């Protein structure tokens, strides 16, 4: 499950009683992924992803990992 889905599930799980809690949250999350510009990404990037990000940004792999975490945890 990606960070966007996780975020949407947390936001909707407590108020989604008509569709059965997590089922309703899953439907909401999947609907959000159908919006233009949205994509599913892993919560933990591969070593190749981190290395590519580090090269592209001119930073260390550790900094690339911190940047990735910040983006995932603050996805709206």
PDB file of N, CA and C in Angstrom:
ATOM      1  N   UNK A   1       0.852  -1.174   0.000  1.00  0.00           N
ATOM      2  CA  UNK A   1       0.000   0.000   0.000  1.00  0.00           C
ATOM      3  C   UNK A   1       0.889   1.225   0.000  1.00  0.00           C
ATOM      4  N   UNK A   2       0.521   2.254  -0.719  1.00  0.00           N
ATOM      5  CA  UNK A   2       1.353   3.441  -0.800  1.00  0.00           C
ATOM      6  C   UNK A   2       0.969   4.466   0.250  1.00  0.00           C
ATOM      7  N   UNK A   3       1.768   5.487   0.341  1.00  0.00           N
ATOM      8  CA  UNK A   3       1.580   6.511   1.360  1.00  0.00           C
ATOM      9  C   UNK A   3       0.275   7.271   1.177  1.00  0.00           C
ATOM     10  N   UNK A   4      -0.118   7.512  -0.053  1.00  0.00           N
ATOM     11  CA  UNK A   4      -1.377   8.224  -0.296  1.00  0.00           C
ATOM     12  C   UNK A   4      -2.543   7.382   0.201  1.00  0.00           C
ATOM     13  N   UNK A   5      -2.515   6.100  -0.093  1.00  0.00           N
ATOM     14  CA  UNK A   5      -3.582   5.216   0.383  1.00  0.00           C
ATOM     15  C   UNK A   5      -3.609   5.170   1.895  1.00  0.00           C
ATOM     16  N   UNK A   6      -2.425   5.064   2.507  1.00  0.00           N
ATOM     17  CA  UNK A   6      -2.353   5.009   3.963  1.00  0.00           C
ATOM     18  C   UNK A   6      -2.917   6.286   4.577  1.00  0.00           C
ATOM     19  N   UNK A   7      -2.559   7.417   4.015  1.00  0.00           N
ATOM     20  CA  UNK A   7      -3.034   8.689   4.521  1.00  0.00           C
ATOM     21  C   UNK A   7      -4.553   8.792   4.400  1.00  0.00           C
ATOM     22  N   UNK A   8      -5.087   8.415   3.260  1.00  0.00           N
ATOM     23  CA  UNK A   8      -6.536   8.469   3.054  1.00  0.00           C
ATOM     24  C   UNK A   8      -7.255   7.497   3.968  1.00  0.00           C
ATOM     25  N   UNK A   9      -6.678   6.320   4.185  1.00  0.00           N
ATOM     26  CA  UNK A   9      -7.306   5.350   5.077  1.00  0.00           C
ATOM     27  C   UNK A   9      -7.391   5.900   6.486  1.00  0.00           C
ATOM     28  N   UNK A  10      -6.332   6.535   6.976  1.00  0.00           N
ATOM     29  CA  UNK A  10      -6.339   7.101   8.318  1.00  0.00           C
ATOM     30  C   UNK A  10      -7.388   8.181   8.447  1.00  0.00           C
ATOM     31  N   UNK A  11      -7.533   9.013   7.413  1.00  0.00           N
ATOM     32  CA  UNK A  11      -8.475  10.123   7.453  1.00  0.00           C
ATOM     33  C   UNK A  11      -9.930   9.649   7.387  1.00  0.00           C
ATOM     34  N   UNK A  12     -10.180   8.569   6.655  1.00  0.00           N
ATOM     35  CA  UNK A  12     -11.567   8.165   6.440  1.00  0.00           C
ATOM     36  C   UNK A  12     -12.010   6.982   7.283  1.00  0.00           C
ATOM     37  N   UNK A  13     -11.082   6.258   7.876  1.00  0.00           N
ATOM     38  CA  UNK A  13     -11.434   5.031   8.588  1.00  0.00           C
ATOM     39  C   UNK A  13     -12.393   5.289   9.742  1.00  0.00           C
ATOM     40  N   UNK A  14     -12.171   6.345  10.497  1.00  0.00           N
ATOM     41  CA  UNK A  14     -13.002   6.597  11.659  1.00  0.00           C
ATOM     42  C   UNK A  14     -14.413   7.040  11.294  1.00  0.00           C
ATOM     43  N   UNK A  15     -14.604   7.654  10.141  1.00  0.00           N
ATOM     44  CA  UNK A  15     -15.942   8.144   9.795  1.00  0.00           C
ATOM     45  C   UNK A  15     -16.649   7.313   8.723  1.00  0.00           C
ATOM     46  N   UNK A  16     -16.046   6.252   8.256  1.00  0.00           N
ATOM     47  CA  UNK A  16     -16.610   5.431   7.191  1.00  0.00           C
ATOM     48  C   UNK A  16     -17.351   4.238   7.783  1.00  0.00           C
ATOM     49  N   UNK A  17     -18.555   4.452   8.262  1.00  0.00           N
ATOM     50  CA  UNK A  17     -19.309   3.341   8.822  1.00  0.00           C
ATOM     51  C   UNK A  17     -20.271   2.747   7.808  1.00  0.00           C
ATOM     52  N   UNK A  18     -20.699   3.535   6.827  1.00  0.00           N
ATOM     53  CA  UNK A  18     -21.680   3.039   5.866  1.00  0.00           C
ATOM     54  C   UNK A  18     -21.091   2.028   4.880  1.00  0.00           C
ATOM     55  N   UNK A  19     -19.787   2.044   4.632  1.00  0.00           N
ATOM     56  CA  UNK A  19     -19.185   1.082   3.715  1.00  0.00           C
ATOM     57  C   UNK A  19     -18.354   0.029   4.433  1.00  0.00           C
ATOM     58  N   UNK A  20     -18.374   0.030   5.748  1.00  0.00           N
ATOM     59  CA  UNK A  20     -17.652  -0.996   6.466  1.00  0.00           C
ATOM     60  C   UNK A  20     -16.221  -0.649   6.818  1.00  0.00           C
ATOM     61  N   UNK A  21     -15.960   0.561   7.265  1.00  0.00           N
ATOM     62  CA  UNK A  21     -14.649   0.932   7.775  1.00  0.00           C
ATOM     63  C   UNK A  21     -13.548   0.900   6.742  1.00  0.00           C
ATOM     64  N   UNK A  22     -12.653  -0.087   6.858  1.00  0.00           N
ATOM     65  CA  UNK A  22     -11.480  -0.112   5.985  1.00  0.00           C
ATOM     66  C   UNK A  22     -11.860  -0.355   4.529  1.00  0.00           C
ATOM     67  N   UNK A  23     -12.968  -1.025   4.271  1.00  0.00           N
ATOM     68  CA  UNK A  23     -13.411  -1.202   2.888  1.00  0.00           C
ATOM     69  C   UNK A  23     -13.736   0.151   2.271  1.00  0.00           C
ATOM     70  N   UNK A  24     -14.431   0.969   3.011  1.00  0.00           N
ATOM     71  CA  UNK A  24     -14.771   2.295   2.523  1.00  0.00           C
ATOM     72  C   UNK A  24     -13.527   3.142   2.310  1.00  0.00           C
ATOM     73  N   UNK A  25     -12.575   3.031   3.217  1.00  0.00           N
ATOM     74  CA  UNK A  25     -11.320   3.769   3.080  1.00  0.00           C
ATOM     75  C   UNK A  25     -10.550   3.292   1.860  1.00  0.00           C
ATOM     76  N   UNK A  26     -10.585   2.001   1.594  1.00  0.00           N
ATOM     77  CA  UNK A  26      -9.890   1.461   0.422  1.00  0.00           C
ATOM     78  C   UNK A  26     -10.518   1.976  -0.862  1.00  0.00           C
ATOM     79  N   UNK A  27     -11.826   2.035  -0.892  1.00  0.00           N
ATOM     80  CA  UNK A  27     -12.522   2.554  -2.071  1.00  0.00           C
ATOM     81  C   UNK A  27     -12.147   4.021  -2.278  1.00  0.00           C
ATOM     82  N   UNK A  28     -12.094   4.792  -1.200  1.00  0.00           N
ATOM     83  CA  UNK A  28     -11.702   6.200  -1.281  1.00  0.00           C
ATOM     84  C   UNK A  28     -10.278   6.335  -1.796  1.00  0.00           C
ATOM     85  N   UNK A  29      -9.371   5.512  -1.263  1.00  0.00           N
ATOM     86  CA  UNK A  29      -7.967   5.566  -1.674  1.00  0.00           C
ATOM     87  C   UNK A  29      -7.806   5.205  -3.146  1.00  0.00           C
ATOM     88  N   UNK A  30      -8.494   4.185  -3.586  1.00  0.00           N
ATOM     89  CA  UNK A  30      -8.382   3.775  -4.988  1.00  0.00           C
ATOM     90  C   UNK A  30      -8.956   4.855  -5.904  1.00  0.00           C
ATOM     91  N   UNK A  31     -10.004   5.511  -5.455  1.00  0.00           N
ATOM     92  CA  UNK A  31     -10.565   6.602  -6.243  1.00  0.00           C
ATOM     93  C   UNK A  31      -9.581   7.744  -6.401  1.00  0.00           C
ATOM     94  N   UNK A  32      -8.821   8.035  -5.345  1.00  0.00           N
ATOM     95  CA  UNK A  32      -7.833   9.113  -5.399  1.00  0.00           C
ATOM     96  C   UNK A  32      -6.717   8.786  -6.382  1.00  0.00           C
ATOM     97  N   UNK A  33      -6.381   7.506  -6.511  1.00  0.00           N
ATOM     98  CA  UNK A  33      -5.313   7.124  -7.433  1.00  0.00           C
ATOM     99  C   UNK A  33      -5.742   7.241  -8.885  1.00  0.00           C
ATOM    100  N   UNK A  34      -7.031   7.355  -9.128  1.00  0.00           N
ATOM    101  CA  UNK A  34      -7.517   7.514 -10.491  1.00  0.00           C
ATOM    102  C   UNK A  34      -7.475   8.970 -10.940  1.00  0.00           C
ATOM    103  N   UNK A  35      -7.182   9.877 -10.024  1.00  0.00           N
ATOM    104  CA  UNK A  35      -7.113  11.290 -10.371  1.00  0.00           C
ATOM    105  C   UNK A  35      -5.874  11.557 -11.213  1.00  0.00           C
ATOM    106  N   UNK A  36      -5.959  12.463 -12.154  1.00  0.00           N
ATOM    107  CA  UNK A  36      -4.786  12.798 -12.962  1.00  0.00           C
ATOM    108  C   UNK A  36      -3.636  13.287 -12.082  1.00  0.00           C
ATOM    109  N   UNK A  37      -2.447  12.840 -12.389  1.00  0.00           N
ATOM    110  CA  UNK A  37      -1.271  13.267 -11.651  1.00  0.00           C
ATOM    111  C   UNK A  37      -0.947  12.443 -10.421  1.00  0.00           C
ATOM    112  N   UNK A  38      -1.777  11.450 -10.091  1.00  0.00           N
ATOM    113  CA  UNK A  38      -1.533  10.609  -8.929  1.00  0.00           C
ATOM    114  C   UNK A  38      -0.913   9.289  -9.356  1.00  0.00           C
ATOM    115  N   UNK A  39      -0.021   8.759  -8.528  1.00  0.00           N
ATOM    116  CA  UNK A  39       0.602   7.476  -8.800  1.00  0.00           C
ATOM    117  C   UNK A  39       0.901   6.770  -7.488  1.00  0.00           C
ATOM    118  N   UNK A  40       0.983   5.487  -7.538  1.00  0.00           N
ATOM    119  CA  UNK A  40       1.334   4.698  -6.359  1.00  0.00           C
ATOM    120  C   UNK A  40       2.848   4.593  -6.279  1.00  0.00           C
ATOM    121  N   UNK A  41       3.390   4.820  -5.094  1.00  0.00           N
ATOM    122  CA  UNK A  41       4.828   4.688  -4.870  1.00  0.00           C
ATOM    123  C   UNK A  41       5.058   3.829  -3.630  1.00  0.00           C
ATOM    124  N   UNK A  42       6.193   3.151  -3.577  1.00  0.00           N
ATOM    125  CA  UNK A  42       6.467   2.336  -2.388  1.00  0.00           C
ATOM    126  C   UNK A  42       6.784   3.206  -1.178  1.00  0.00           C
ATOM    127  N   UNK A  43       6.426   2.733   0.012  1.00  0.00           N
ATOM    128  CA  UNK A  43       6.778   3.453   1.225  1.00  0.00           C
ATOM    129  C   UNK A  43       8.278   3.433   1.446  1.00  0.00           C
ATOM    130  N   UNK A  44       8.925   2.360   1.025  1.00  0.00           N
ATOM    131  CA  UNK A  44      10.374   2.248   1.149  1.00  0.00           C
ATOM    132  C   UNK A  44      10.956   2.131  -0.253  1.00  0.00           C
ATOM    133  N   UNK A  45      11.747   3.113  -0.668  1.00  0.00           N
ATOM    134  CA  UNK A  45      12.310   3.074  -2.018  1.00  0.00           C
ATOM    135  C   UNK A  45      13.406   2.021  -2.127  1.00  0.00           C
ATOM    136  N   UNK A  46      13.638   1.546  -3.331  1.00  0.00           N
ATOM    137  CA  UNK A  46      14.722   0.589  -3.564  1.00  0.00           C
ATOM    138  C   UNK A  46      16.059   1.323  -3.505  1.00  0.00           C
ATOM    139  N   UNK A  47      17.125   0.567  -3.399  1.00  0.00           N
ATOM    140  CA  UNK A  47      18.469   1.155  -3.396  1.00  0.00           C
ATOM    141  C   UNK A  47      18.721   1.903  -4.703  1.00  0.00           C
ATOM    142  N   UNK A  48      18.218   1.360  -5.802  1.00  0.00           N
ATOM    143  CA  UNK A  48      18.377   2.016  -7.098  1.00  0.00           C
ATOM    144  C   UNK A  48      17.654   3.353  -7.136  1.00  0.00           C
ATOM    145  N   UNK A  49      16.450   3.403  -6.573  1.00  0.00           N
ATOM    146  CA  UNK A  49      15.695   4.657  -6.522  1.00  0.00           C
ATOM    147  C   UNK A  49      16.455   5.693  -5.712  1.00  0.00           C
ATOM    148  N   UNK A  50      16.983   5.287  -4.563  1.00  0.00           N
ATOM    149  CA  UNK A  50      17.723   6.224  -3.721  1.00  0.00           C
ATOM    150  C   UNK A  50      18.988   6.717  -4.408  1.00  0.00           C
ATOM    151  N   UNK A  51      19.697   5.805  -5.054  1.00  0.00           N
ATOM    152  CA  UNK A  51      20.927   6.191  -5.757  1.00  0.00           C
ATOM    153  C   UNK A  51      20.610   7.173  -6.882  1.00  0.00           C
ATOM    154  N   UNK A  52      19.541   6.925  -7.615  1.00  0.00           N
ATOM    155  CA  UNK A  52      19.143   7.825  -8.704  1.00  0.00           C
ATOM    156  C   UNK A  52      18.761   9.198  -8.170  1.00  0.00           C
ATOM    157  N   UNK A  53      18.013   9.209  -7.082  1.00  0.00           N
ATOM    158  CA  UNK A  53      17.623  10.472  -6.471  1.00  0.00           C
ATOM    159  C   UNK A  53      18.815  11.252  -5.953  1.00  0.00           C
ATOM    160  N   UNK A  54      19.762  10.534  -5.357  1.00  0.00           N
ATOM    161  CA  UNK A  54      20.965  11.179  -4.840  1.00  0.00           C
ATOM    162  C   UNK A  54      21.770  11.813  -5.974  1.00  0.00           C
ATOM    163  N   UNK A  55      21.919  11.073  -7.074  1.00  0.00           N
ATOM    164  CA  UNK A  55      22.650  11.613  -8.235  1.00  0.00           C
ATOM    165  C   UNK A  55      21.935  12.831  -8.815  1.00  0.00           C
ATOM    166  N   UNK A  56      20.633  12.718  -8.969  1.00  0.00           N
ATOM    167  CA  UNK A  56      19.862  13.811  -9.569  1.00  0.00           C
ATOM    168  C   UNK A  56      19.917  15.074  -8.712  1.00  0.00           C
ATOM    169  N   UNK A  57      19.919  14.880  -7.390  1.00  0.00           N
ATOM    170  CA  UNK A  57      19.931  16.038  -6.500  1.00  0.00           C
ATOM    171  C   UNK A  57      21.312  16.490  -6.073  1.00  0.00           C
ATOM    172  N   UNK A  58      22.324  15.708  -6.443  1.00  0.00           N
ATOM    173  CA  UNK A  58      23.677  16.059  -6.036  1.00  0.00           C
ATOM    174  C   UNK A  58      23.879  15.956  -4.531  1.00  0.00           C
ATOM    175  N   UNK A  59      23.197  14.982  -3.905  1.00  0.00           N
ATOM    176  CA  UNK A  59      23.277  14.793  -2.457  1.00  0.00           C
ATOM    177  C   UNK A  59      23.655  13.347  -2.158  1.00  0.00           C
ATOM    178  N   UNK A  60      23.905  13.053  -0.894  1.00  0.00           N
ATOM    179  CA  UNK A  60      24.210  11.685  -0.493  1.00  0.00           C
ATOM    180  C   UNK A  60      22.942  10.835  -0.514  1.00  0.00           C
ATOM    181  N   UNK A  61      23.127   9.525  -0.496  1.00  0.00           N
ATOM    182  CA  UNK A  61      21.985   8.601  -0.447  1.00  0.00           C
ATOM    183  C   UNK A  61      21.199   8.822   0.846  1.00  0.00           C
ATOM    184  N   UNK A  62      21.885   9.112   1.929  1.00  0.00           N
ATOM    185  CA  UNK A  62      21.210   9.354   3.212  1.00  0.00           C
ATOM    186  C   UNK A  62      20.290  10.572   3.127  1.00  0.00           C
ATOM    187  N   UNK A  63      20.756  11.617   2.479  1.00  0.00           N
ATOM    188  CA  UNK A  63      19.922  12.815   2.313  1.00  0.00           C
ATOM    189  C   UNK A  63      18.759  12.510   1.368  1.00  0.00           C
ATOM    190  N   UNK A  64      19.014  11.750   0.314  1.00  0.00           N
ATOM    191  CA  UNK A  64      17.940  11.362  -0.608  1.00  0.00           C
ATOM    192  C   UNK A  64      16.861  10.583   0.139  1.00  0.00           C
ATOM    193  N   UNK A  65      17.276   9.700   1.048  1.00  0.00           N
ATOM    194  CA  UNK A  65      16.325   8.909   1.854  1.00  0.00           C
ATOM    195  C   UNK A  65      15.494   9.837   2.742  1.00  0.00           C
ATOM    196  N   UNK A  66      16.122  10.816   3.371  1.00  0.00           N
ATOM    197  CA  UNK A  66      15.389  11.755   4.220  1.00  0.00           C
ATOM    198  C   UNK A  66      14.393  12.573   3.407  1.00  0.00           C
ATOM    199  N   UNK A  67      14.797  12.983   2.215  1.00  0.00           N
ATOM    200  CA  UNK A  67      13.900  13.736   1.335  1.00  0.00           C
ATOM    201  C   UNK A  67      12.708  12.874   0.931  1.00  0.00           C
ATOM    202  N   UNK A  68      12.970  11.619   0.560  1.00  0.00           N
ATOM    203  CA  UNK A  68      11.897  10.701   0.156  1.00  0.00           C
ATOM    204  C   UNK A  68      10.916  10.507   1.308  1.00  0.00           C
ATOM    205  N   UNK A  69      11.439  10.256   2.506  1.00  0.00           N
ATOM    206  CA  UNK A  69      10.569  10.066   3.669  1.00  0.00           C
ATOM    207  C   UNK A  69       9.707  11.297   3.917  1.00  0.00           C
ATOM    208  N   UNK A  70      10.304  12.474   3.830  1.00  0.00           N
ATOM    209  CA  UNK A  70       9.559  13.699   4.061  1.00  0.00           C
ATOM    210  C   UNK A  70       8.418  13.855   3.060  1.00  0.00           C
ATOM    211  N   UNK A  71       8.696  13.538   1.798  1.00  0.00           N
ATOM    212  CA  UNK A  71       7.659  13.658   0.775  1.00  0.00           C
ATOM    213  C   UNK A  71       6.542  12.646   0.998  1.00  0.00           C
ATOM    214  N   UNK A  72       6.897  11.409   1.322  1.00  0.00           N
ATOM    215  CA  UNK A  72       5.883  10.364   1.541  1.00  0.00           C
ATOM    216  C   UNK A  72       5.022  10.680   2.751  1.00  0.00           C
ATOM    217  N   UNK A  73       5.635  11.101   3.843  1.00  0.00           N
ATOM    218  CA  UNK A  73       4.893  11.336   5.084  1.00  0.00           C
ATOM    219  C   UNK A  73       4.077  12.614   5.070  1.00  0.00           C
ATOM    220  N   UNK A  74       4.297  13.463   4.083  1.00  0.00           N
ATOM    221  CA  UNK A  74       3.541  14.700   4.003  1.00  0.00           C
ATOM    222  C   UNK A  74       2.686  14.776   2.734  1.00  0.00           C
ATOM    223  N   UNK A  75       2.463  13.629   2.118  1.00  0.00           N
ATOM    224  CA  UNK A  75       1.597  13.586   0.929  1.00  0.00           C
ATOM    225  C   UNK A  75       0.156  13.878   1.340  1.00  0.00           C
ATOM    226  N   UNK A  76      -0.497  14.735   0.615  1.00  0.00           N
ATOM    227  CA  UNK A  76      -1.907  15.054   0.904  1.00  0.00           C
ATOM    228  C   UNK A  76      -2.813  14.456  -0.111  1.00  0.00           C
TER     229      UNK A  76
END
